[in-house]
Amino acid sequence: MKIITLEVLLWINHMQSVEFAFVGISLIMGGFYLPIDHSYMQVELVCYWTTSIRRMFVVCGIVLILAGAFGAFWYRRHIEFIYLTQMLFIVLGIIFTIVLALFITYNCHIEKAKRRVEYLWLETENDRNAFFMMQQHLKCCGKSGPEDYIDKEQFPVCHKNFNAEDIKFTKGCIEAAEDFYNKKVMFTIVAMVAMIVDELSFCNATTTKMTQMKLNC
């Protein structure tokens, strides 16, 4: 029974090491490449996407990769120093994940989105392209809805890709920005909490296995 338990714990440890590496790489890619992705305008709409947040994504990703790497290494070589180093990186991963969640919570505001929509709408007299592009990204039409464009625009500005034969957006951009905030930002925060739970379970599985190995010696 002890052998089976140890094998199961080893398997969990190994799989979580791979998972940590995958999540770490995803965070690093998010920190580096999100500013040039198509979703950047949506993120910029509700968040102050500062250099500090991008760096925190990268740092958190690196820490998780190291935690996973040391976990995989310890999976092969059961050396206490490697175990302690892995625990250190897991603890750091939990800390950085909490800090990252706080950064996102602090820097993302629905009120910012509303102000941004209002500003871009007022600026349509000088520069309409920014608002039109936001409509394409958020799949919205006008500040409050299609009625904002009555007697103002002749071409299909509220259609996908500005094509009159394509889908027409009917939701106002303020409402669309609120929906984006509620779905995407809150999902990100929930994902961070899930990461913390996963990190704690990784720590628990590794510690349990280490304890059982000592008892078997």
N, C-alpha and C. Protein backbone atom coordinates (compact mmCIF):
# COMPACT_ATOMS: atom_id res chain seq x y z
N MET A 1 0.83 -1.21 0.00
CA MET A 1 0.00 0.00 0.00
C MET A 1 0.85 1.25 0.00
N LYS A 2 1.94 1.22 0.77
CA LYS A 2 2.83 2.38 0.82
C LYS A 2 3.47 2.62 -0.53
N ILE A 3 3.84 1.51 -1.22
CA ILE A 3 4.48 1.65 -2.53
C ILE A 3 3.51 2.28 -3.52
N ILE A 4 2.24 1.81 -3.48
CA ILE A 4 1.22 2.37 -4.38
C ILE A 4 1.03 3.85 -4.09
N THR A 5 0.96 4.21 -2.82
CA THR A 5 0.79 5.61 -2.43
C THR A 5 1.94 6.46 -2.92
N LEU A 6 3.15 5.96 -2.76
CA LEU A 6 4.32 6.70 -3.21
C LEU A 6 4.31 6.88 -4.72
N GLU A 7 3.91 5.84 -5.44
CA GLU A 7 3.86 5.93 -6.90
C GLU A 7 2.83 6.96 -7.35
N VAL A 8 1.69 6.97 -6.66
CA VAL A 8 0.65 7.95 -6.99
C VAL A 8 1.14 9.36 -6.73
N LEU A 9 1.79 9.57 -5.59
CA LEU A 9 2.32 10.88 -5.26
C LEU A 9 3.40 11.31 -6.24
N LEU A 10 4.22 10.36 -6.67
CA LEU A 10 5.25 10.65 -7.67
C LEU A 10 4.60 11.09 -8.99
N TRP A 11 3.54 10.40 -9.36
CA TRP A 11 2.84 10.73 -10.60
C TRP A 11 2.22 12.13 -10.51
N ILE A 12 1.59 12.44 -9.38
CA ILE A 12 1.00 13.77 -9.17
C ILE A 12 2.09 14.83 -9.23
N ASN A 13 3.21 14.56 -8.58
CA ASN A 13 4.33 15.50 -8.57
C ASN A 13 4.84 15.76 -9.98
N HIS A 14 4.96 14.69 -10.75
CA HIS A 14 5.47 14.82 -12.11
C HIS A 14 4.51 15.61 -12.99
N MET A 15 3.21 15.31 -12.92
CA MET A 15 2.21 15.99 -13.74
C MET A 15 2.10 17.47 -13.37
N GLN A 16 2.19 17.77 -12.08
CA GLN A 16 2.11 19.16 -11.66
C GLN A 16 3.36 19.93 -12.08
N SER A 17 4.50 19.27 -12.16
CA SER A 17 5.71 19.92 -12.66
C SER A 17 5.51 20.36 -14.11
N VAL A 18 4.93 19.47 -14.90
CA VAL A 18 4.64 19.80 -16.31
C VAL A 18 3.62 20.94 -16.38
N GLU A 19 2.61 20.87 -15.53
CA GLU A 19 1.57 21.91 -15.50
C GLU A 19 2.17 23.27 -15.14
N PHE A 20 3.04 23.29 -14.14
CA PHE A 20 3.67 24.54 -13.73
C PHE A 20 4.50 25.13 -14.86
N ALA A 21 5.21 24.28 -15.58
CA ALA A 21 6.00 24.76 -16.71
C ALA A 21 5.10 25.38 -17.78
N PHE A 22 3.99 24.74 -18.07
CA PHE A 22 3.05 25.24 -19.07
C PHE A 22 2.45 26.58 -18.64
N VAL A 23 2.00 26.67 -17.39
CA VAL A 23 1.42 27.92 -16.88
C VAL A 23 2.47 29.03 -16.86
N GLY A 24 3.69 28.69 -16.45
CA GLY A 24 4.77 29.68 -16.41
C GLY A 24 5.06 30.24 -17.78
N ILE A 25 5.14 29.37 -18.79
CA ILE A 25 5.38 29.82 -20.16
C ILE A 25 4.24 30.71 -20.65
N SER A 26 3.01 30.35 -20.30
CA SER A 26 1.84 31.14 -20.70
C SER A 26 1.89 32.54 -20.08
N LEU A 27 2.29 32.62 -18.81
CA LEU A 27 2.39 33.93 -18.15
C LEU A 27 3.47 34.79 -18.79
N ILE A 28 4.61 34.18 -19.10
CA ILE A 28 5.69 34.92 -19.74
C ILE A 28 5.25 35.44 -21.11
N MET A 29 4.59 34.60 -21.88
CA MET A 29 4.10 35.02 -23.19
C MET A 29 3.08 36.14 -23.04
N GLY A 30 2.23 36.05 -22.00
CA GLY A 30 1.27 37.11 -21.75
C GLY A 30 1.95 38.43 -21.45
N GLY A 31 3.00 38.38 -20.63
CA GLY A 31 3.74 39.59 -20.28
C GLY A 31 4.43 40.24 -21.46
N PHE A 32 4.94 39.41 -22.38
CA PHE A 32 5.69 39.94 -23.52
C PHE A 32 4.81 40.29 -24.72
N TYR A 33 3.81 39.46 -25.01
CA TYR A 33 3.13 39.57 -26.29
C TYR A 33 1.72 40.14 -26.25
N LEU A 34 1.12 40.28 -25.06
CA LEU A 34 -0.23 40.81 -24.99
C LEU A 34 -0.36 42.20 -25.63
N PRO A 35 0.63 43.11 -25.47
CA PRO A 35 0.49 44.45 -26.04
C PRO A 35 0.32 44.48 -27.55
N ILE A 36 0.71 43.41 -28.29
CA ILE A 36 0.58 43.44 -29.74
C ILE A 36 -0.50 42.46 -30.21
N ASP A 37 -1.23 41.88 -29.28
CA ASP A 37 -2.29 40.95 -29.64
C ASP A 37 -3.56 41.71 -29.97
N HIS A 38 -4.49 41.06 -30.69
CA HIS A 38 -5.74 41.71 -31.07
C HIS A 38 -6.57 42.10 -29.85
N SER A 39 -6.39 41.42 -28.74
CA SER A 39 -7.19 41.70 -27.55
C SER A 39 -6.62 42.87 -26.73
N TYR A 40 -5.50 43.44 -27.19
CA TYR A 40 -4.86 44.49 -26.39
C TYR A 40 -5.77 45.69 -26.20
N MET A 41 -6.50 46.07 -27.23
CA MET A 41 -7.35 47.25 -27.11
C MET A 41 -8.42 47.01 -26.06
N GLN A 42 -8.92 45.78 -25.97
CA GLN A 42 -9.91 45.47 -24.94
C GLN A 42 -9.29 45.56 -23.55
N VAL A 43 -8.10 45.00 -23.40
CA VAL A 43 -7.43 45.02 -22.10
C VAL A 43 -7.09 46.45 -21.71
N GLU A 44 -6.56 47.22 -22.66
CA GLU A 44 -6.20 48.60 -22.39
C GLU A 44 -7.42 49.42 -22.00
N LEU A 45 -8.57 49.00 -22.51
CA LEU A 45 -9.81 49.72 -22.23
C LEU A 45 -10.17 49.69 -20.75
N VAL A 46 -9.97 48.55 -20.11
CA VAL A 46 -10.39 48.42 -18.71
C VAL A 46 -9.23 48.41 -17.73
N CYS A 47 -8.00 48.26 -18.22
CA CYS A 47 -6.85 48.15 -17.33
C CYS A 47 -5.77 49.18 -17.67
N TYR A 48 -5.09 49.64 -16.64
CA TYR A 48 -3.87 50.40 -16.84
C TYR A 48 -2.75 49.37 -16.99
N TRP A 49 -2.53 48.95 -18.22
CA TRP A 49 -1.59 47.84 -18.48
C TRP A 49 -0.17 48.38 -18.43
N THR A 50 0.35 48.54 -17.25
CA THR A 50 1.64 49.17 -17.03
C THR A 50 2.79 48.18 -17.24
N THR A 51 3.99 48.75 -17.33
CA THR A 51 5.19 47.93 -17.44
C THR A 51 5.36 47.05 -16.21
N SER A 52 4.95 47.55 -15.05
CA SER A 52 5.08 46.77 -13.81
C SER A 52 4.25 45.49 -13.87
N ILE A 53 3.03 45.58 -14.42
CA ILE A 53 2.18 44.39 -14.51
C ILE A 53 2.80 43.39 -15.47
N ARG A 54 3.30 43.88 -16.60
CA ARG A 54 3.92 42.97 -17.57
C ARG A 54 5.13 42.27 -16.95
N ARG A 55 5.92 43.02 -16.20
CA ARG A 55 7.09 42.42 -15.54
C ARG A 55 6.66 41.39 -14.50
N MET A 56 5.57 41.68 -13.80
CA MET A 56 5.09 40.74 -12.79
C MET A 56 4.63 39.44 -13.43
N PHE A 57 4.00 39.54 -14.61
CA PHE A 57 3.63 38.34 -15.35
C PHE A 57 4.86 37.50 -15.66
N VAL A 58 5.92 38.17 -16.14
CA VAL A 58 7.15 37.46 -16.53
C VAL A 58 7.81 36.83 -15.31
N VAL A 59 7.95 37.60 -14.22
CA VAL A 59 8.60 37.10 -13.01
C VAL A 59 7.82 35.91 -12.44
N CYS A 60 6.51 36.05 -12.37
CA CYS A 60 5.67 34.96 -11.84
C CYS A 60 5.82 33.71 -12.71
N GLY A 61 5.88 33.92 -14.02
CA GLY A 61 6.06 32.80 -14.94
C GLY A 61 7.38 32.09 -14.74
N ILE A 62 8.45 32.87 -14.58
CA ILE A 62 9.78 32.29 -14.37
C ILE A 62 9.83 31.48 -13.08
N VAL A 63 9.24 32.04 -12.01
CA VAL A 63 9.22 31.34 -10.72
C VAL A 63 8.48 30.01 -10.83
N LEU A 64 7.34 30.01 -11.53
CA LEU A 64 6.57 28.77 -11.68
C LEU A 64 7.32 27.74 -12.52
N ILE A 65 8.02 28.21 -13.54
CA ILE A 65 8.83 27.28 -14.36
C ILE A 65 9.92 26.65 -13.51
N LEU A 66 10.58 27.47 -12.68
CA LEU A 66 11.64 26.94 -11.81
C LEU A 66 11.07 25.95 -10.79
N ALA A 67 9.89 26.27 -10.25
CA ALA A 67 9.25 25.35 -9.30
C ALA A 67 8.95 24.02 -9.98
N GLY A 68 8.44 24.09 -11.21
CA GLY A 68 8.17 22.87 -11.96
C GLY A 68 9.43 22.11 -12.31
N ALA A 69 10.49 22.85 -12.68
CA ALA A 69 11.75 22.21 -13.06
C ALA A 69 12.38 21.48 -11.87
N PHE A 70 12.39 22.14 -10.72
CA PHE A 70 12.95 21.49 -9.53
C PHE A 70 12.07 20.32 -9.08
N GLY A 71 10.75 20.44 -9.32
CA GLY A 71 9.87 19.32 -9.00
C GLY A 71 10.17 18.11 -9.87
N ALA A 72 10.40 18.37 -11.17
CA ALA A 72 10.74 17.27 -12.08
C ALA A 72 12.11 16.68 -11.75
N PHE A 73 13.04 17.56 -11.37
CA PHE A 73 14.39 17.08 -11.01
C PHE A 73 14.32 16.23 -9.74
N TRP A 74 13.53 16.69 -8.77
CA TRP A 74 13.39 15.93 -7.53
C TRP A 74 12.66 14.62 -7.78
N TYR A 75 11.80 14.62 -8.81
CA TYR A 75 11.11 13.39 -9.20
C TYR A 75 12.12 12.31 -9.57
N ARG A 76 13.26 12.75 -10.13
CA ARG A 76 14.31 11.80 -10.52
C ARG A 76 15.34 11.58 -9.41
N ARG A 77 15.71 12.66 -8.74
CA ARG A 77 16.74 12.57 -7.70
C ARG A 77 16.16 13.07 -6.38
N HIS A 78 15.89 12.17 -5.47
CA HIS A 78 15.26 12.56 -4.21
C HIS A 78 16.31 13.09 -3.23
N ILE A 79 16.75 14.32 -3.50
CA ILE A 79 17.74 14.98 -2.65
C ILE A 79 17.04 16.08 -1.86
N GLU A 80 17.32 16.15 -0.58
CA GLU A 80 16.59 17.11 0.28
C GLU A 80 16.83 18.55 -0.15
N PHE A 81 18.04 18.87 -0.61
CA PHE A 81 18.33 20.24 -1.05
C PHE A 81 17.42 20.64 -2.22
N ILE A 82 17.22 19.71 -3.15
CA ILE A 82 16.33 19.99 -4.28
C ILE A 82 14.90 20.18 -3.79
N TYR A 83 14.50 19.36 -2.84
CA TYR A 83 13.16 19.48 -2.26
C TYR A 83 12.96 20.84 -1.61
N LEU A 84 13.94 21.28 -0.82
CA LEU A 84 13.83 22.57 -0.14
C LEU A 84 13.81 23.72 -1.14
N THR A 85 14.63 23.59 -2.20
CA THR A 85 14.64 24.63 -3.23
C THR A 85 13.30 24.70 -3.95
N GLN A 86 12.75 23.54 -4.22
CA GLN A 86 11.43 23.49 -4.85
C GLN A 86 10.38 24.15 -3.97
N MET A 87 10.41 23.85 -2.68
CA MET A 87 9.46 24.46 -1.74
C MET A 87 9.60 25.98 -1.73
N LEU A 88 10.85 26.44 -1.81
CA LEU A 88 11.10 27.89 -1.84
C LEU A 88 10.44 28.52 -3.05
N PHE A 89 10.61 27.90 -4.22
CA PHE A 89 10.02 28.46 -5.43
C PHE A 89 8.50 28.36 -5.42
N ILE A 90 7.95 27.32 -4.80
CA ILE A 90 6.50 27.22 -4.69
C ILE A 90 5.95 28.34 -3.81
N VAL A 91 6.62 28.59 -2.69
CA VAL A 91 6.21 29.69 -1.80
C VAL A 91 6.31 31.02 -2.53
N LEU A 92 7.42 31.23 -3.25
CA LEU A 92 7.58 32.46 -4.03
C LEU A 92 6.49 32.55 -5.10
N GLY A 93 6.16 31.40 -5.71
CA GLY A 93 5.11 31.39 -6.71
C GLY A 93 3.77 31.82 -6.14
N ILE A 94 3.46 31.34 -4.93
CA ILE A 94 2.22 31.74 -4.27
C ILE A 94 2.22 33.24 -3.99
N ILE A 95 3.33 33.74 -3.49
CA ILE A 95 3.44 35.17 -3.18
C ILE A 95 3.27 36.01 -4.44
N PHE A 96 3.99 35.65 -5.51
CA PHE A 96 3.92 36.42 -6.75
C PHE A 96 2.54 36.31 -7.40
N THR A 97 1.90 35.16 -7.27
CA THR A 97 0.55 35.01 -7.81
C THR A 97 -0.43 35.92 -7.09
N ILE A 98 -0.32 35.99 -5.76
CA ILE A 98 -1.17 36.89 -4.98
C ILE A 98 -0.92 38.34 -5.37
N VAL A 99 0.36 38.70 -5.49
CA VAL A 99 0.72 40.08 -5.87
C VAL A 99 0.18 40.40 -7.26
N LEU A 100 0.30 39.45 -8.19
CA LEU A 100 -0.20 39.66 -9.55
C LEU A 100 -1.71 39.85 -9.56
N ALA A 101 -2.42 39.04 -8.77
CA ALA A 101 -3.87 39.18 -8.66
C ALA A 101 -4.24 40.55 -8.10
N LEU A 102 -3.48 41.02 -7.10
CA LEU A 102 -3.73 42.34 -6.52
C LEU A 102 -3.44 43.44 -7.53
N PHE A 103 -2.36 43.28 -8.32
CA PHE A 103 -2.02 44.25 -9.36
C PHE A 103 -3.17 44.37 -10.35
N ILE A 104 -3.68 43.22 -10.80
CA ILE A 104 -4.75 43.24 -11.79
C ILE A 104 -6.01 43.86 -11.20
N THR A 105 -6.34 43.48 -9.97
CA THR A 105 -7.53 44.03 -9.31
C THR A 105 -7.42 45.54 -9.14
N TYR A 106 -6.23 46.00 -8.76
CA TYR A 106 -6.03 47.43 -8.50
C TYR A 106 -6.00 48.24 -9.80
N ASN A 107 -5.46 47.67 -10.87
CA ASN A 107 -5.25 48.43 -12.10
C ASN A 107 -6.37 48.29 -13.13
N CYS A 108 -7.35 47.44 -12.87
CA CYS A 108 -8.46 47.27 -13.80
C CYS A 108 -9.74 47.80 -13.17
N HIS A 109 -10.39 48.74 -13.85
CA HIS A 109 -11.58 49.37 -13.30
C HIS A 109 -12.64 49.51 -14.38
N ILE A 110 -13.87 49.22 -14.04
CA ILE A 110 -14.96 49.40 -14.98
C ILE A 110 -15.19 50.87 -15.25
N GLU A 111 -14.93 51.72 -14.26
CA GLU A 111 -15.11 53.16 -14.46
C GLU A 111 -14.11 53.69 -15.49
N LYS A 112 -12.92 53.11 -15.51
CA LYS A 112 -11.93 53.51 -16.53
C LYS A 112 -12.47 53.20 -17.92
N ALA A 113 -13.10 52.04 -18.05
CA ALA A 113 -13.66 51.65 -19.34
C ALA A 113 -14.74 52.64 -19.79
N LYS A 114 -15.61 53.03 -18.86
CA LYS A 114 -16.67 53.97 -19.20
C LYS A 114 -16.09 55.32 -19.63
N ARG A 115 -15.09 55.79 -18.87
CA ARG A 115 -14.46 57.07 -19.22
C ARG A 115 -13.77 56.99 -20.58
N ARG A 116 -13.13 55.84 -20.85
CA ARG A 116 -12.43 55.66 -22.12
C ARG A 116 -13.40 55.68 -23.29
N VAL A 117 -14.54 55.01 -23.13
CA VAL A 117 -15.56 55.00 -24.18
C VAL A 117 -16.09 56.41 -24.41
N GLU A 118 -16.38 57.12 -23.32
CA GLU A 118 -16.88 58.50 -23.42
C GLU A 118 -15.86 59.38 -24.15
N TYR A 119 -14.59 59.23 -23.79
CA TYR A 119 -13.54 60.04 -24.40
C TYR A 119 -13.42 59.76 -25.90
N LEU A 120 -13.37 58.48 -26.26
CA LEU A 120 -13.23 58.12 -27.68
C LEU A 120 -14.45 58.55 -28.48
N TRP A 121 -15.62 58.51 -27.84
CA TRP A 121 -16.84 58.94 -28.53
C TRP A 121 -16.79 60.44 -28.80
N LEU A 122 -16.37 61.21 -27.82
CA LEU A 122 -16.26 62.66 -28.01
C LEU A 122 -15.20 63.01 -29.05
N GLU A 123 -14.17 62.16 -29.14
CA GLU A 123 -13.08 62.42 -30.08
C GLU A 123 -13.39 61.99 -31.51
N THR A 124 -14.58 61.42 -31.74
CA THR A 124 -14.90 60.97 -33.10
C THR A 124 -14.93 62.12 -34.09
N GLU A 125 -15.15 63.35 -33.60
CA GLU A 125 -15.14 64.49 -34.50
C GLU A 125 -13.75 64.74 -35.05
N ASN A 126 -12.72 64.39 -34.27
CA ASN A 126 -11.34 64.58 -34.71
C ASN A 126 -10.70 63.30 -35.25
N ASP A 127 -10.99 62.18 -34.59
CA ASP A 127 -10.39 60.90 -34.98
C ASP A 127 -11.40 59.79 -34.75
N ARG A 128 -12.06 59.37 -35.82
CA ARG A 128 -13.10 58.35 -35.70
C ARG A 128 -12.53 56.93 -35.69
N ASN A 129 -11.33 56.76 -36.22
CA ASN A 129 -10.78 55.42 -36.38
C ASN A 129 -10.63 54.67 -35.06
N ALA A 130 -10.19 55.38 -34.00
CA ALA A 130 -9.97 54.73 -32.71
C ALA A 130 -11.28 54.14 -32.18
N PHE A 131 -12.36 54.92 -32.27
CA PHE A 131 -13.65 54.43 -31.77
C PHE A 131 -14.17 53.29 -32.64
N PHE A 132 -13.99 53.43 -33.96
CA PHE A 132 -14.45 52.39 -34.87
C PHE A 132 -13.71 51.07 -34.62
N MET A 133 -12.42 51.15 -34.36
CA MET A 133 -11.64 49.94 -34.09
C MET A 133 -12.07 49.31 -32.77
N MET A 134 -12.39 50.16 -31.79
CA MET A 134 -12.87 49.64 -30.51
C MET A 134 -14.19 48.89 -30.72
N GLN A 135 -15.04 49.43 -31.59
CA GLN A 135 -16.30 48.75 -31.88
C GLN A 135 -16.06 47.36 -32.46
N GLN A 136 -15.06 47.24 -33.32
CA GLN A 136 -14.76 45.94 -33.91
C GLN A 136 -14.24 44.96 -32.86
N HIS A 137 -13.40 45.45 -31.95
CA HIS A 137 -12.83 44.57 -30.93
C HIS A 137 -13.87 44.15 -29.89
N LEU A 138 -14.72 45.10 -29.50
CA LEU A 138 -15.72 44.81 -28.46
C LEU A 138 -17.04 44.32 -29.03
N LYS A 139 -17.16 44.37 -30.37
CA LYS A 139 -18.40 43.97 -31.04
C LYS A 139 -19.58 44.81 -30.54
N CYS A 140 -19.38 46.13 -30.60
CA CYS A 140 -20.40 47.05 -30.11
C CYS A 140 -20.69 48.12 -31.15
N CYS A 141 -21.68 48.95 -30.87
CA CYS A 141 -22.09 49.98 -31.82
C CYS A 141 -22.46 51.25 -31.07
N GLY A 142 -21.71 52.32 -31.33
CA GLY A 142 -22.00 53.59 -30.68
C GLY A 142 -21.70 53.58 -29.19
N LYS A 143 -21.89 54.71 -28.56
CA LYS A 143 -21.65 54.78 -27.12
C LYS A 143 -22.72 54.01 -26.36
N SER A 144 -23.99 54.24 -26.72
CA SER A 144 -25.10 53.59 -26.02
C SER A 144 -25.80 52.54 -26.87
N GLY A 145 -25.65 52.64 -28.20
CA GLY A 145 -26.30 51.69 -29.09
C GLY A 145 -26.34 52.23 -30.51
N PRO A 146 -26.91 51.50 -31.46
CA PRO A 146 -26.96 51.92 -32.86
C PRO A 146 -27.65 53.26 -33.08
N GLU A 147 -28.57 53.61 -32.17
CA GLU A 147 -29.29 54.88 -32.33
C GLU A 147 -28.35 56.08 -32.27
N ASP A 148 -27.16 55.91 -31.73
CA ASP A 148 -26.20 57.02 -31.68
C ASP A 148 -25.74 57.43 -33.07
N TYR A 149 -25.94 56.57 -34.06
CA TYR A 149 -25.45 56.86 -35.40
C TYR A 149 -26.54 57.33 -36.36
N ILE A 150 -27.74 57.55 -35.88
CA ILE A 150 -28.81 58.01 -36.75
C ILE A 150 -28.43 59.35 -37.37
N ASP A 151 -28.49 59.42 -38.69
CA ASP A 151 -28.17 60.64 -39.46
C ASP A 151 -26.73 61.09 -39.27
N LYS A 152 -25.86 60.17 -38.85
CA LYS A 152 -24.46 60.57 -38.66
C LYS A 152 -23.52 59.83 -39.60
N GLU A 153 -23.77 58.54 -39.82
CA GLU A 153 -22.86 57.74 -40.63
C GLU A 153 -23.63 57.05 -41.75
N GLN A 154 -23.07 57.10 -42.95
CA GLN A 154 -23.71 56.49 -44.10
C GLN A 154 -23.20 55.07 -44.37
N PHE A 155 -21.95 54.79 -44.01
CA PHE A 155 -21.41 53.45 -44.28
C PHE A 155 -21.64 52.54 -43.07
N PRO A 156 -21.56 51.21 -43.28
CA PRO A 156 -21.91 50.24 -42.21
C PRO A 156 -20.89 50.16 -41.09
N VAL A 157 -20.79 51.21 -40.29
CA VAL A 157 -19.78 51.28 -39.24
C VAL A 157 -20.03 50.26 -38.13
N CYS A 158 -21.28 49.83 -37.96
CA CYS A 158 -21.61 48.91 -36.88
C CYS A 158 -21.62 47.45 -37.32
N HIS A 159 -21.17 47.19 -38.53
CA HIS A 159 -21.11 45.82 -39.02
C HIS A 159 -19.70 45.26 -38.86
N LYS A 160 -19.62 43.96 -38.67
CA LYS A 160 -18.32 43.30 -38.56
C LYS A 160 -17.50 43.55 -39.82
N ASN A 161 -16.26 44.01 -39.60
CA ASN A 161 -15.34 44.33 -40.69
C ASN A 161 -15.89 45.40 -41.62
N PHE A 162 -16.84 46.20 -41.11
CA PHE A 162 -17.46 47.29 -41.88
C PHE A 162 -18.11 46.79 -43.16
N ASN A 163 -18.60 45.56 -43.10
CA ASN A 163 -19.24 44.93 -44.25
C ASN A 163 -20.74 44.86 -44.00
N ALA A 164 -21.52 45.53 -44.86
CA ALA A 164 -22.97 45.61 -44.65
C ALA A 164 -23.64 44.24 -44.71
N GLU A 165 -22.99 43.27 -45.33
CA GLU A 165 -23.57 41.93 -45.43
C GLU A 165 -23.17 41.03 -44.26
N ASP A 166 -22.32 41.55 -43.39
CA ASP A 166 -21.86 40.76 -42.25
C ASP A 166 -22.69 41.08 -41.01
N ILE A 167 -22.30 40.49 -39.87
CA ILE A 167 -23.04 40.66 -38.61
C ILE A 167 -23.07 42.13 -38.19
N LYS A 168 -24.24 42.58 -37.73
CA LYS A 168 -24.36 43.95 -37.22
C LYS A 168 -24.36 43.92 -35.70
N PHE A 169 -23.55 44.79 -35.10
CA PHE A 169 -23.48 44.88 -33.65
C PHE A 169 -24.62 45.76 -33.15
N THR A 170 -25.27 45.33 -32.10
CA THR A 170 -26.41 46.09 -31.58
C THR A 170 -26.20 46.58 -30.15
N LYS A 171 -25.17 46.11 -29.50
CA LYS A 171 -24.91 46.49 -28.11
C LYS A 171 -24.08 47.76 -28.06
N GLY A 172 -24.41 48.67 -27.14
CA GLY A 172 -23.61 49.88 -26.96
C GLY A 172 -22.24 49.56 -26.40
N CYS A 173 -21.25 50.42 -26.68
CA CYS A 173 -19.87 50.13 -26.27
C CYS A 173 -19.67 50.21 -24.76
N ILE A 174 -20.43 51.06 -24.07
CA ILE A 174 -20.32 51.11 -22.61
C ILE A 174 -20.78 49.78 -22.02
N GLU A 175 -21.89 49.27 -22.50
CA GLU A 175 -22.39 47.97 -22.02
C GLU A 175 -21.42 46.85 -22.38
N ALA A 176 -20.85 46.92 -23.59
CA ALA A 176 -19.90 45.89 -24.03
C ALA A 176 -18.64 45.92 -23.17
N ALA A 177 -18.20 47.13 -22.81
CA ALA A 177 -17.01 47.25 -21.96
C ALA A 177 -17.28 46.67 -20.57
N GLU A 178 -18.49 46.91 -20.05
CA GLU A 178 -18.86 46.34 -18.76
C GLU A 178 -18.87 44.81 -18.82
N ASP A 179 -19.42 44.28 -19.91
CA ASP A 179 -19.46 42.82 -20.06
C ASP A 179 -18.06 42.25 -20.15
N PHE A 180 -17.19 42.94 -20.89
CA PHE A 180 -15.81 42.47 -21.02
C PHE A 180 -15.12 42.46 -19.66
N TYR A 181 -15.33 43.52 -18.90
CA TYR A 181 -14.72 43.60 -17.57
C TYR A 181 -15.21 42.46 -16.69
N ASN A 182 -16.53 42.30 -16.64
CA ASN A 182 -17.10 41.28 -15.75
C ASN A 182 -16.65 39.87 -16.11
N LYS A 183 -16.55 39.59 -17.40
CA LYS A 183 -16.19 38.24 -17.84
C LYS A 183 -14.69 38.00 -17.79
N LYS A 184 -13.92 38.88 -18.40
CA LYS A 184 -12.49 38.63 -18.57
C LYS A 184 -11.68 38.91 -17.31
N VAL A 185 -11.90 40.08 -16.71
CA VAL A 185 -11.11 40.44 -15.54
C VAL A 185 -11.44 39.53 -14.37
N MET A 186 -12.71 39.28 -14.13
CA MET A 186 -13.08 38.40 -13.03
C MET A 186 -12.60 36.97 -13.28
N PHE A 187 -12.63 36.54 -14.55
CA PHE A 187 -12.09 35.22 -14.88
C PHE A 187 -10.61 35.14 -14.55
N THR A 188 -9.89 36.23 -14.84
CA THR A 188 -8.45 36.26 -14.54
C THR A 188 -8.21 36.13 -13.05
N ILE A 189 -8.99 36.83 -12.25
CA ILE A 189 -8.82 36.76 -10.80
C ILE A 189 -9.13 35.36 -10.28
N VAL A 190 -10.21 34.76 -10.79
CA VAL A 190 -10.56 33.39 -10.39
C VAL A 190 -9.45 32.43 -10.79
N ALA A 191 -8.87 32.65 -11.98
CA ALA A 191 -7.77 31.79 -12.43
C ALA A 191 -6.57 31.91 -11.50
N MET A 192 -6.31 33.13 -11.01
CA MET A 192 -5.20 33.32 -10.08
C MET A 192 -5.45 32.56 -8.77
N VAL A 193 -6.68 32.61 -8.29
CA VAL A 193 -7.02 31.87 -7.06
C VAL A 193 -6.83 30.37 -7.29
N ALA A 194 -7.25 29.90 -8.47
CA ALA A 194 -7.08 28.48 -8.80
C ALA A 194 -5.60 28.11 -8.84
N MET A 195 -4.77 29.03 -9.35
CA MET A 195 -3.33 28.79 -9.38
C MET A 195 -2.77 28.64 -7.97
N ILE A 196 -3.23 29.48 -7.06
CA ILE A 196 -2.75 29.41 -5.68
C ILE A 196 -3.14 28.07 -5.05
N VAL A 197 -4.38 27.65 -5.28
CA VAL A 197 -4.83 26.35 -4.76
C VAL A 197 -3.99 25.23 -5.34
N ASP A 198 -3.69 25.33 -6.64
CA ASP A 198 -2.87 24.31 -7.29
C ASP A 198 -1.46 24.29 -6.72
N GLU A 199 -0.91 25.48 -6.48
CA GLU A 199 0.43 25.56 -5.89
C GLU A 199 0.46 24.93 -4.50
N LEU A 200 -0.59 25.19 -3.72
CA LEU A 200 -0.65 24.61 -2.38
C LEU A 200 -0.78 23.08 -2.44
N SER A 201 -1.55 22.59 -3.41
CA SER A 201 -1.69 21.14 -3.54
C SER A 201 -0.39 20.51 -4.00
N PHE A 202 0.35 21.21 -4.86
CA PHE A 202 1.67 20.75 -5.30
C PHE A 202 2.60 20.64 -4.10
N CYS A 203 2.59 21.68 -3.29
CA CYS A 203 3.42 21.70 -2.08
C CYS A 203 3.03 20.56 -1.14
N ASN A 204 1.73 20.34 -0.97
CA ASN A 204 1.25 19.29 -0.07
C ASN A 204 1.64 17.90 -0.58
N ALA A 205 1.48 17.67 -1.89
CA ALA A 205 1.80 16.35 -2.45
C ALA A 205 3.29 16.05 -2.31
N THR A 206 4.11 17.06 -2.59
CA THR A 206 5.56 16.86 -2.49
C THR A 206 5.99 16.64 -1.04
N THR A 207 5.43 17.44 -0.13
CA THR A 207 5.78 17.31 1.28
C THR A 207 5.34 15.95 1.83
N THR A 208 4.13 15.51 1.44
CA THR A 208 3.64 14.21 1.89
C THR A 208 4.55 13.09 1.42
N LYS A 209 4.98 13.17 0.18
CA LYS A 209 5.86 12.14 -0.35
C LYS A 209 7.21 12.16 0.37
N MET A 210 7.73 13.36 0.62
CA MET A 210 9.01 13.48 1.31
C MET A 210 8.90 12.86 2.71
N THR A 211 7.79 13.12 3.40
CA THR A 211 7.58 12.57 4.74
C THR A 211 7.51 11.05 4.71
N GLN A 212 6.78 10.52 3.74
CA GLN A 212 6.64 9.06 3.65
C GLN A 212 7.97 8.40 3.30
N MET A 213 8.76 9.05 2.48
CA MET A 213 10.07 8.50 2.13
C MET A 213 10.96 8.42 3.36
N LYS A 214 10.88 9.45 4.21
CA LYS A 214 11.69 9.44 5.44
C LYS A 214 11.22 8.33 6.38
N LEU A 215 9.89 8.12 6.44
CA LEU A 215 9.36 7.07 7.31
C LEU A 215 9.75 5.68 6.82
N ASN A 216 9.93 5.53 5.52
CA ASN A 216 10.29 4.23 4.95
C ASN A 216 11.78 3.92 5.06
N CYS A 217 12.55 4.97 5.36
CA CYS A 217 14.00 4.77 5.45
C CYS A 217 14.36 4.02 6.74
